[in-house]
PDB file of N, CA and C in Angstrom:
ATOM      1  N   UNK A   1      76.565 109.850  73.533  1.00  0.00           N
ATOM      2  CA  UNK A   1      75.365 109.272  74.648  1.00  0.00           C
ATOM      3  C   UNK A   1      76.559 107.765  74.841  1.00  0.00           C
ATOM      4  N   UNK A   2      77.506 107.259  74.190  1.00  0.00           N
ATOM      5  CA  UNK A   2      78.457 106.052  74.343  1.00  0.00           C
ATOM      6  C   UNK A   2      79.785 106.802  74.053  1.00  0.00           C
ATOM      7  N   UNK A   3      80.509 106.532  74.850  1.00  0.00           N
ATOM      8  CA  UNK A   3      81.946 106.748  75.052  1.00  0.00           C
ATOM      9  C   UNK A   3      82.575 105.231  75.003  1.00  0.00           C
ATOM     10  N   UNK A   4      83.895 105.303  74.236  1.00  0.00           N
ATOM     11  CA  UNK A   4      84.840 103.795  74.491  1.00  0.00           C
ATOM     12  C   UNK A   4      84.817 103.619  75.639  1.00  0.00           C
ATOM     13  N   UNK A   5      84.677 104.481  76.350  1.00  0.00           N
ATOM     14  CA  UNK A   5      85.132 103.864  78.432  1.00  0.00           C
ATOM     15  C   UNK A   5      84.170 103.986  79.106  1.00  0.00           C
ATOM     16  N   UNK A   6      82.823 102.965  79.021  1.00  0.00           N
ATOM     17  CA  UNK A   6      81.841 103.013  79.484  1.00  0.00           C
ATOM     18  C   UNK A   6      81.536 101.803  79.567  1.00  0.00           C
ATOM     19  N   UNK A   7      80.835 101.176  80.521  1.00  0.00           N
ATOM     20  CA  UNK A   7      80.473  99.964  81.270  1.00  0.00           C
ATOM     21  C   UNK A   7      79.374  99.287  80.202  1.00  0.00           C
ATOM     22  N   UNK A   8      78.600  99.801  79.625  1.00  0.00           N
ATOM     23  CA  UNK A   8      77.647  99.147  78.654  1.00  0.00           C
ATOM     24  C   UNK A   8      78.526  99.315  77.512  1.00  0.00           C
ATOM     25  N   UNK A   9      79.284  99.757  76.956  1.00  0.00           N
ATOM     26  CA  UNK A   9      80.224  98.992  75.810  1.00  0.00           C
ATOM     27  C   UNK A   9      81.119  98.006  76.392  1.00  0.00           C
ATOM     28  N   UNK A  10      81.539  97.965  77.276  1.00  0.00           N
ATOM     29  CA  UNK A  10      82.221  96.646  77.672  1.00  0.00           C
ATOM     30  C   UNK A  10      81.209  95.393  78.120  1.00  0.00           C
ATOM     31  N   UNK A  11      79.775  95.542  78.610  1.00  0.00           N
ATOM     32  CA  UNK A  11      78.990  94.480  78.352  1.00  0.00           C
ATOM     33  C   UNK A  11      78.605  93.820  76.765  1.00  0.00           C
ATOM     34  N   UNK A  12      78.672  94.964  75.994  1.00  0.00           N
ATOM     35  CA  UNK A  12      78.373  94.625  74.887  1.00  0.00           C
ATOM     36  C   UNK A  12      79.655  93.774  74.019  1.00  0.00           C
ATOM     37  N   UNK A  13      80.831  94.196  74.386  1.00  0.00           N
ATOM     38  CA  UNK A  13      81.849  93.852  73.772  1.00  0.00           C
ATOM     39  C   UNK A  13      81.838  92.150  74.162  1.00  0.00           C
ATOM     40  N   UNK A  14      81.894  92.149  75.878  1.00  0.00           N
ATOM     41  CA  UNK A  14      82.211  90.950  76.214  1.00  0.00           C
ATOM     42  C   UNK A  14      80.825  89.578  76.011  1.00  0.00           C
ATOM     43  N   UNK A  15      80.208  90.029  75.447  1.00  0.00           N
ATOM     44  CA  UNK A  15      78.998  89.394  75.046  1.00  0.00           C
ATOM     45  C   UNK A  15      79.411  88.987  73.490  1.00  0.00           C
ATOM     46  N   UNK A  16      79.818  89.699  72.744  1.00  0.00           N
ATOM     47  CA  UNK A  16      80.043  89.298  71.182  1.00  0.00           C
ATOM     48  C   UNK A  16      81.025  87.675  71.172  1.00  0.00           C
ATOM     49  N   UNK A  17      82.342  87.379  71.459  1.00  0.00           N
ATOM     50  CA  UNK A  17      82.754  85.956  71.555  1.00  0.00           C
ATOM     51  C   UNK A  17      82.191  85.009  72.424  1.00  0.00           C
ATOM     52  N   UNK A  18      81.300  85.071  73.299  1.00  0.00           N
ATOM     53  CA  UNK A  18      80.805  83.892  73.683  1.00  0.00           C
ATOM     54  C   UNK A  18      79.472  83.679  72.763  1.00  0.00           C
ATOM     55  N   UNK A  19      78.946  84.845  72.446  1.00  0.00           N
ATOM     56  CA  UNK A  19      77.559  84.737  71.477  1.00  0.00           C
ATOM     57  C   UNK A  19      77.697  83.984  70.223  1.00  0.00           C
ATOM     58  N   UNK A  20      79.306  84.499  69.846  1.00  0.00           N
ATOM     59  CA  UNK A  20      79.743  83.514  68.355  1.00  0.00           C
ATOM     60  C   UNK A  20      79.644  82.079  68.667  1.00  0.00           C
ATOM     61  N   UNK A  21      80.438  81.652  69.820  1.00  0.00           N
ATOM     62  CA  UNK A  21      80.752  80.284  70.091  1.00  0.00           C
ATOM     63  C   UNK A  21      79.451  79.537  70.380  1.00  0.00           C
ATOM     64  N   UNK A  22      78.229  80.723  70.931  1.00  0.00           N
ATOM     65  CA  UNK A  22      77.258  79.750  70.568  1.00  0.00           C
ATOM     66  C   UNK A  22      76.493  79.237  69.535  1.00  0.00           C
ATOM     67  N   UNK A  23      76.542  80.504  68.720  1.00  0.00           N
ATOM     68  CA  UNK A  23      75.580  80.232  67.490  1.00  0.00           C
ATOM     69  C   UNK A  23      76.368  79.479  66.971  1.00  0.00           C
ATOM     70  N   UNK A  24      78.021  79.353  66.668  1.00  0.00           N
ATOM     71  CA  UNK A  24      78.532  78.311  66.033  1.00  0.00           C
ATOM     72  C   UNK A  24      78.191  76.878  66.206  1.00  0.00           C
ATOM     73  N   UNK A  25      78.041  76.612  67.993  1.00  0.00           N
ATOM     74  CA  UNK A  25      78.191  75.035  68.185  1.00  0.00           C
ATOM     75  C   UNK A  25      76.397  74.574  68.996  1.00  0.00           C
ATOM     76  N   UNK A  26      75.853  75.653  68.533  1.00  0.00           N
ATOM     77  CA  UNK A  26      74.428  75.525  68.773  1.00  0.00           C
ATOM     78  C   UNK A  26      73.483  75.434  67.795  1.00  0.00           C
ATOM     79  N   UNK A  27      73.855  76.430  66.643  1.00  0.00           N
ATOM     80  CA  UNK A  27      73.218  76.611  65.415  1.00  0.00           C
ATOM     81  C   UNK A  27      73.733  75.720  64.309  1.00  0.00           C
ATOM     82  N   UNK A  28      75.035  76.053  63.828  1.00  0.00           N
ATOM     83  CA  UNK A  28      75.784  75.976  62.866  1.00  0.00           C
ATOM     84  C   UNK A  28      75.941  74.342  62.819  1.00  0.00           C
ATOM     85  N   UNK A  29      76.463  74.026  64.223  1.00  0.00           N
ATOM     86  CA  UNK A  29      77.382  72.624  64.364  1.00  0.00           C
ATOM     87  C   UNK A  29      76.604  71.789  65.613  1.00  0.00           C
ATOM     88  N   UNK A  30      75.933  71.677  65.336  1.00  0.00           N
ATOM     89  CA  UNK A  30      74.818  70.958  66.566  1.00  0.00           C
ATOM     90  C   UNK A  30      75.815  69.685  66.985  1.00  0.00           C
ATOM     91  N   UNK A  31      75.456  69.314  68.205  1.00  0.00           N
ATOM     92  CA  UNK A  31      76.127  68.183  68.903  1.00  0.00           C
ATOM     93  C   UNK A  31      77.752  67.967  68.574  1.00  0.00           C
ATOM     94  N   UNK A  32      78.926  68.721  67.873  1.00  0.00           N
ATOM     95  CA  UNK A  32      79.919  68.557  67.933  1.00  0.00           C
ATOM     96  C   UNK A  32      80.552  68.738  69.646  1.00  0.00           C
ATOM     97  N   UNK A  33      81.039  68.176  69.731  1.00  0.00           N
ATOM     98  CA  UNK A  33      81.923  67.991  71.180  1.00  0.00           C
ATOM     99  C   UNK A  33      83.479  67.595  70.666  1.00  0.00           C
ATOM    100  N   UNK A  34      84.357  68.844  71.607  1.00  0.00           N
ATOM    101  CA  UNK A  34      85.483  68.800  71.396  1.00  0.00           C
ATOM    102  C   UNK A  34      86.122  67.718  72.740  1.00  0.00           C
ATOM    103  N   UNK A  35      86.886  66.834  72.410  1.00  0.00           N
ATOM    104  CA  UNK A  35      87.929  65.919  73.745  1.00  0.00           C
ATOM    105  C   UNK A  35      87.155  65.975  74.736  1.00  0.00           C
ATOM    106  N   UNK A  36      85.816  65.395  74.435  1.00  0.00           N
ATOM    107  CA  UNK A  36      84.506  65.339  75.452  1.00  0.00           C
ATOM    108  C   UNK A  36      84.088  65.997  76.385  1.00  0.00           C
ATOM    109  N   UNK A  37      84.539  66.907  75.733  1.00  0.00           N
ATOM    110  CA  UNK A  37      84.012  68.011  76.784  1.00  0.00           C
ATOM    111  C   UNK A  37      82.820  69.159  76.034  1.00  0.00           C
ATOM    112  N   UNK A  38      81.629  69.436  76.513  1.00  0.00           N
ATOM    113  CA  UNK A  38      80.670  69.968  75.357  1.00  0.00           C
ATOM    114  C   UNK A  38      81.130  71.238  75.668  1.00  0.00           C
ATOM    115  N   UNK A  39      81.305  71.667  77.251  1.00  0.00           N
ATOM    116  CA  UNK A  39      81.692  73.495  77.307  1.00  0.00           C
ATOM    117  C   UNK A  39      82.802  74.155  76.829  1.00  0.00           C
ATOM    118  N   UNK A  40      83.737  73.469  76.234  1.00  0.00           N
ATOM    119  CA  UNK A  40      85.606  73.700  76.004  1.00  0.00           C
ATOM    120  C   UNK A  40      84.926  74.829  75.143  1.00  0.00           C
ATOM    121  N   UNK A  41      84.300  74.919  73.782  1.00  0.00           N
ATOM    122  CA  UNK A  41      84.587  76.045  72.888  1.00  0.00           C
ATOM    123  C   UNK A  41      83.859  77.711  73.887  1.00  0.00           C
ATOM    124  N   UNK A  42      83.275  77.341  74.737  1.00  0.00           N
ATOM    125  CA  UNK A  42      82.570  78.294  75.379  1.00  0.00           C
ATOM    126  C   UNK A  42      83.376  78.835  76.336  1.00  0.00           C
ATOM    127  N   UNK A  43      84.318  77.713  77.110  1.00  0.00           N
ATOM    128  CA  UNK A  43      85.151  78.302  78.198  1.00  0.00           C
ATOM    129  C   UNK A  43      86.180  79.071  77.218  1.00  0.00           C
ATOM    130  N   UNK A  44      86.903  78.646  75.980  1.00  0.00           N
ATOM    131  CA  UNK A  44      87.778  79.350  75.269  1.00  0.00           C
ATOM    132  C   UNK A  44      87.194  80.456  74.972  1.00  0.00           C
ATOM    133  N   UNK A  45      85.998  80.831  74.873  1.00  0.00           N
ATOM    134  CA  UNK A  45      85.468  82.205  74.205  1.00  0.00           C
ATOM    135  C   UNK A  45      85.883  83.410  75.512  1.00  0.00           C
ATOM    136  N   UNK A  46      85.536  82.698  76.440  1.00  0.00           N
ATOM    137  CA  UNK A  46      85.253  83.368  78.055  1.00  0.00           C
ATOM    138  C   UNK A  46      86.868  83.745  78.496  1.00  0.00           C
ATOM    139  N   UNK A  47      87.883  82.853  77.908  1.00  0.00           N
ATOM    140  CA  UNK A  47      89.224  82.710  78.042  1.00  0.00           C
ATOM    141  C   UNK A  47      89.883  84.285  77.122  1.00  0.00           C
ATOM    142  N   UNK A  48      89.513  84.009  75.891  1.00  0.00           N
ATOM    143  CA  UNK A  48      89.616  85.336  75.374  1.00  0.00           C
ATOM    144  C   UNK A  48      89.192  86.312  75.685  1.00  0.00           C
ATOM    145  N   UNK A  49      88.112  86.753  76.272  1.00  0.00           N
ATOM    146  CA  UNK A  49      87.328  87.502  77.028  1.00  0.00           C
ATOM    147  C   UNK A  49      88.046  88.208  78.113  1.00  0.00           C
ATOM    148  N   UNK A  50      88.607  87.416  78.591  1.00  0.00           N
ATOM    149  CA  UNK A  50      89.950  87.502  79.896  1.00  0.00           C
ATOM    150  C   UNK A  50      91.024  88.376  79.052  1.00  0.00           C
ATOM    151  N   UNK A  51      91.339  88.054  77.788  1.00  0.00           N
ATOM    152  CA  UNK A  51      92.664  88.596  77.358  1.00  0.00           C
ATOM    153  C   UNK A  51      91.955  90.237  76.591  1.00  0.00           C
ATOM    154  N   UNK A  52      90.940  90.170  76.393  1.00  0.00           N
ATOM    155  CA  UNK A  52      90.313  91.790  76.092  1.00  0.00           C
ATOM    156  C   UNK A  52      90.300  92.770  77.275  1.00  0.00           C
ATOM    157  N   UNK A  53      89.993  92.209  78.934  1.00  0.00           N
ATOM    158  CA  UNK A  53      90.245  92.389  79.654  1.00  0.00           C
ATOM    159  C   UNK A  53      91.611  92.839  80.320  1.00  0.00           C
ATOM    160  N   UNK A  54      92.531  92.291  80.252  1.00  0.00           N
ATOM    161  CA  UNK A  54      94.014  92.936  80.125  1.00  0.00           C
ATOM    162  C   UNK A  54      94.335  93.700  79.348  1.00  0.00           C
ATOM    163  N   UNK A  55      93.815  94.042  77.881  1.00  0.00           N
ATOM    164  CA  UNK A  55      94.030  95.454  76.739  1.00  0.00           C
ATOM    165  C   UNK A  55      93.358  96.284  77.157  1.00  0.00           C
ATOM    166  N   UNK A  56      92.178  96.361  78.089  1.00  0.00           N
ATOM    167  CA  UNK A  56      91.494  97.464  78.564  1.00  0.00           C
ATOM    168  C   UNK A  56      92.128  98.082  79.318  1.00  0.00           C
ATOM    169  N   UNK A  57      92.511  97.349  80.297  1.00  0.00           N
ATOM    170  CA  UNK A  57      93.189  97.695  81.563  1.00  0.00           C
ATOM    171  C   UNK A  57      94.625  98.600  80.934  1.00  0.00           C
ATOM    172  N   UNK A  58      95.206  98.062  80.407  1.00  0.00           N
ATOM    173  CA  UNK A  58      96.942  98.282  79.813  1.00  0.00           C
ATOM    174  C   UNK A  58      96.466  99.585  79.153  1.00  0.00           C
ATOM    175  N   UNK A  59      95.137  99.841  78.233  1.00  0.00           N
ATOM    176  CA  UNK A  59      94.839 100.849  77.630  1.00  0.00           C
ATOM    177  C   UNK A  59      94.234 102.347  78.267  1.00  0.00           C
ATOM    178  N   UNK A  60      94.080 101.947  79.884  1.00  0.00           N
ATOM    179  CA  UNK A  60      93.138 103.050  80.236  1.00  0.00           C
ATOM    180  C   UNK A  60      91.935 103.055  80.674  1.00  0.00           C
ATOM    181  N   UNK A  61      91.485 101.862  80.065  1.00  0.00           N
ATOM    182  CA  UNK A  61      89.960 102.303  79.556  1.00  0.00           C
ATOM    183  C   UNK A  61      89.571 100.745  80.783  1.00  0.00           C
ATOM    184  N   UNK A  62      89.182 101.341  82.110  1.00  0.00           N
ATOM    185  CA  UNK A  62      88.725 100.281  83.309  1.00  0.00           C
ATOM    186  C   UNK A  62      87.423 100.236  83.135  1.00  0.00           C
ATOM    187  N   UNK A  63      86.349 101.467  82.586  1.00  0.00           N
ATOM    188  CA  UNK A  63      84.782 100.751  82.563  1.00  0.00           C
ATOM    189  C   UNK A  63      84.643  99.975  81.347  1.00  0.00           C
ATOM    190  N   UNK A  64      85.473  99.879  80.445  1.00  0.00           N
ATOM    191  CA  UNK A  64      84.886  99.240  79.295  1.00  0.00           C
ATOM    192  C   UNK A  64      85.312  97.456  79.999  1.00  0.00           C
ATOM    193  N   UNK A  65      86.679  97.239  80.803  1.00  0.00           N
ATOM    194  CA  UNK A  65      87.374  96.465  80.915  1.00  0.00           C
ATOM    195  C   UNK A  65      86.526  95.632  82.130  1.00  0.00           C
ATOM    196  N   UNK A  66      86.116  96.533  83.182  1.00  0.00           N
ATOM    197  CA  UNK A  66      84.818  96.120  84.133  1.00  0.00           C
ATOM    198  C   UNK A  66      83.660  95.852  83.320  1.00  0.00           C
ATOM    199  N   UNK A  67      82.760  96.135  82.085  1.00  0.00           N
ATOM    200  CA  UNK A  67      82.154  95.693  81.786  1.00  0.00           C
ATOM    201  C   UNK A  67      82.019  94.232  80.790  1.00  0.00           C
ATOM    202  N   UNK A  68      83.252  94.151  80.154  1.00  0.00           N
ATOM    203  CA  UNK A  68      83.709  92.388  79.838  1.00  0.00           C
ATOM    204  C   UNK A  68      83.895  91.825  80.818  1.00  0.00           C
ATOM    205  N   UNK A  69      84.564  92.189  82.131  1.00  0.00           N
ATOM    206  CA  UNK A  69      84.586  91.212  83.033  1.00  0.00           C
ATOM    207  C   UNK A  69      83.284  90.477  83.785  1.00  0.00           C
ATOM    208  N   UNK A  70      82.457  91.447  84.008  1.00  0.00           N
ATOM    209  CA  UNK A  70      81.096  91.229  84.307  1.00  0.00           C
ATOM    210  C   UNK A  70      80.319  90.545  83.679  1.00  0.00           C
ATOM    211  N   UNK A  71      80.185  90.626  82.271  1.00  0.00           N
ATOM    212  CA  UNK A  71      79.691  89.789  81.528  1.00  0.00           C
ATOM    213  C   UNK A  71      80.383  88.563  81.107  1.00  0.00           C
ATOM    214  N   UNK A  72      81.644  88.460  81.560  1.00  0.00           N
ATOM    215  CA  UNK A  72      82.164  87.227  81.325  1.00  0.00           C
ATOM    216  C   UNK A  72      81.569  86.299  82.637  1.00  0.00           C
ATOM    217  N   UNK A  73      81.627  86.754  83.680  1.00  0.00           N
ATOM    218  CA  UNK A  73      81.010  85.917  84.994  1.00  0.00           C
ATOM    219  C   UNK A  73      79.965  85.607  84.990  1.00  0.00           C
ATOM    220  N   UNK A  74      79.095  86.612  84.193  1.00  0.00           N
ATOM    221  CA  UNK A  74      77.456  85.882  83.784  1.00  0.00           C
ATOM    222  C   UNK A  74      77.570  84.597  82.596  1.00  0.00           C
ATOM    223  N   UNK A  75      78.682  84.640  81.640  1.00  0.00           N
ATOM    224  CA  UNK A  75      78.426  83.759  81.087  1.00  0.00           C
ATOM    225  C   UNK A  75      78.641  82.645  81.668  1.00  0.00           C
ATOM    226  N   UNK A  76      80.046  82.804  82.330  1.00  0.00           N
ATOM    227  CA  UNK A  76      80.398  81.305  82.998  1.00  0.00           C
ATOM    228  C   UNK A  76      79.187  80.864  84.214  1.00  0.00           C
ATOM    229  N   UNK A  77      78.523  81.692  84.766  1.00  0.00           N
ATOM    230  CA  UNK A  77      77.263  81.140  85.407  1.00  0.00           C
ATOM    231  C   UNK A  77      76.255  80.285  84.494  1.00  0.00           C
ATOM    232  N   UNK A  78      76.017  81.290  83.393  1.00  0.00           N
ATOM    233  CA  UNK A  78      74.805  80.586  82.674  1.00  0.00           C
ATOM    234  C   UNK A  78      75.021  79.283  81.940  1.00  0.00           C
ATOM    235  N   UNK A  79      76.605  79.456  81.619  1.00  0.00           N
ATOM    236  CA  UNK A  79      77.512  77.913  81.153  1.00  0.00           C
ATOM    237  C   UNK A  79      77.191  76.999  82.439  1.00  0.00           C
ATOM    238  N   UNK A  80      77.274  76.996  83.295  1.00  0.00           N
ATOM    239  CA  UNK A  80      77.229  76.134  84.414  1.00  0.00           C
ATOM    240  C   UNK A  80      75.782  75.631  84.699  1.00  0.00           C
ATOM    241  N   UNK A  81      74.855  76.259  84.701  1.00  0.00           N
ATOM    242  CA  UNK A  81      73.830  76.541  85.018  1.00  0.00           C
ATOM    243  C   UNK A  81      73.284  75.562  83.640  1.00  0.00           C
ATOM    244  N   UNK A  82      73.766  75.596  82.617  1.00  0.00           N
ATOM    245  CA  UNK A  82      72.659  75.371  81.297  1.00  0.00           C
ATOM    246  C   UNK A  82      73.502  74.070  80.737  1.00  0.00           C
ATOM    247  N   UNK A  83      75.050  74.339  80.582  1.00  0.00           N
ATOM    248  CA  UNK A  83      75.585  73.040  80.306  1.00  0.00           C
ATOM    249  C   UNK A  83      76.825  71.801  80.875  1.00  0.00           C
ATOM    250  N   UNK A  84      77.159  72.418  81.847  1.00  0.00           N
ATOM    251  CA  UNK A  84      77.650  71.529  82.565  1.00  0.00           C
ATOM    252  C   UNK A  84      76.910  70.766  83.794  1.00  0.00           C
ATOM    253  N   UNK A  85      75.802  70.916  84.095  1.00  0.00           N
ATOM    254  CA  UNK A  85      75.016  70.525  84.728  1.00  0.00           C
ATOM    255  C   UNK A  85      75.207  69.595  86.087  1.00  0.00           C
ATOM    256  N   UNK A  86      75.924  70.939  86.605  1.00  0.00           N
ATOM    257  CA  UNK A  86      76.613  69.892  88.588  1.00  0.00           C
ATOM    258  C   UNK A  86      75.445  69.633  88.926  1.00  0.00           C
ATOM    259  N   UNK A  87      75.894  68.299  89.518  1.00  0.00           N
ATOM    260  CA  UNK A  87      74.632  67.239  89.977  1.00  0.00           C
ATOM    261  C   UNK A  87      75.367  66.749  91.457  1.00  0.00           C
TER     262      UNK A  87
END
């Protein structure tokens, strides 16, 4: 059903790091701000996702890399909507 090279596996893998960042900084340590930037931990998690994409493309698992990249873009849009609040 699930192969190592599928978009669904990439979507799940791309959700892991942003979910950990959300869990840490919303549930465990609420109100913690780094360098007066409330979105910094989430941006670091998304940056690490992009390193995972690079690794996937080097290994030849393109579909997994596409899934991780898609989830990273979704997380960035959600971050802009809920954390940064551009006015």
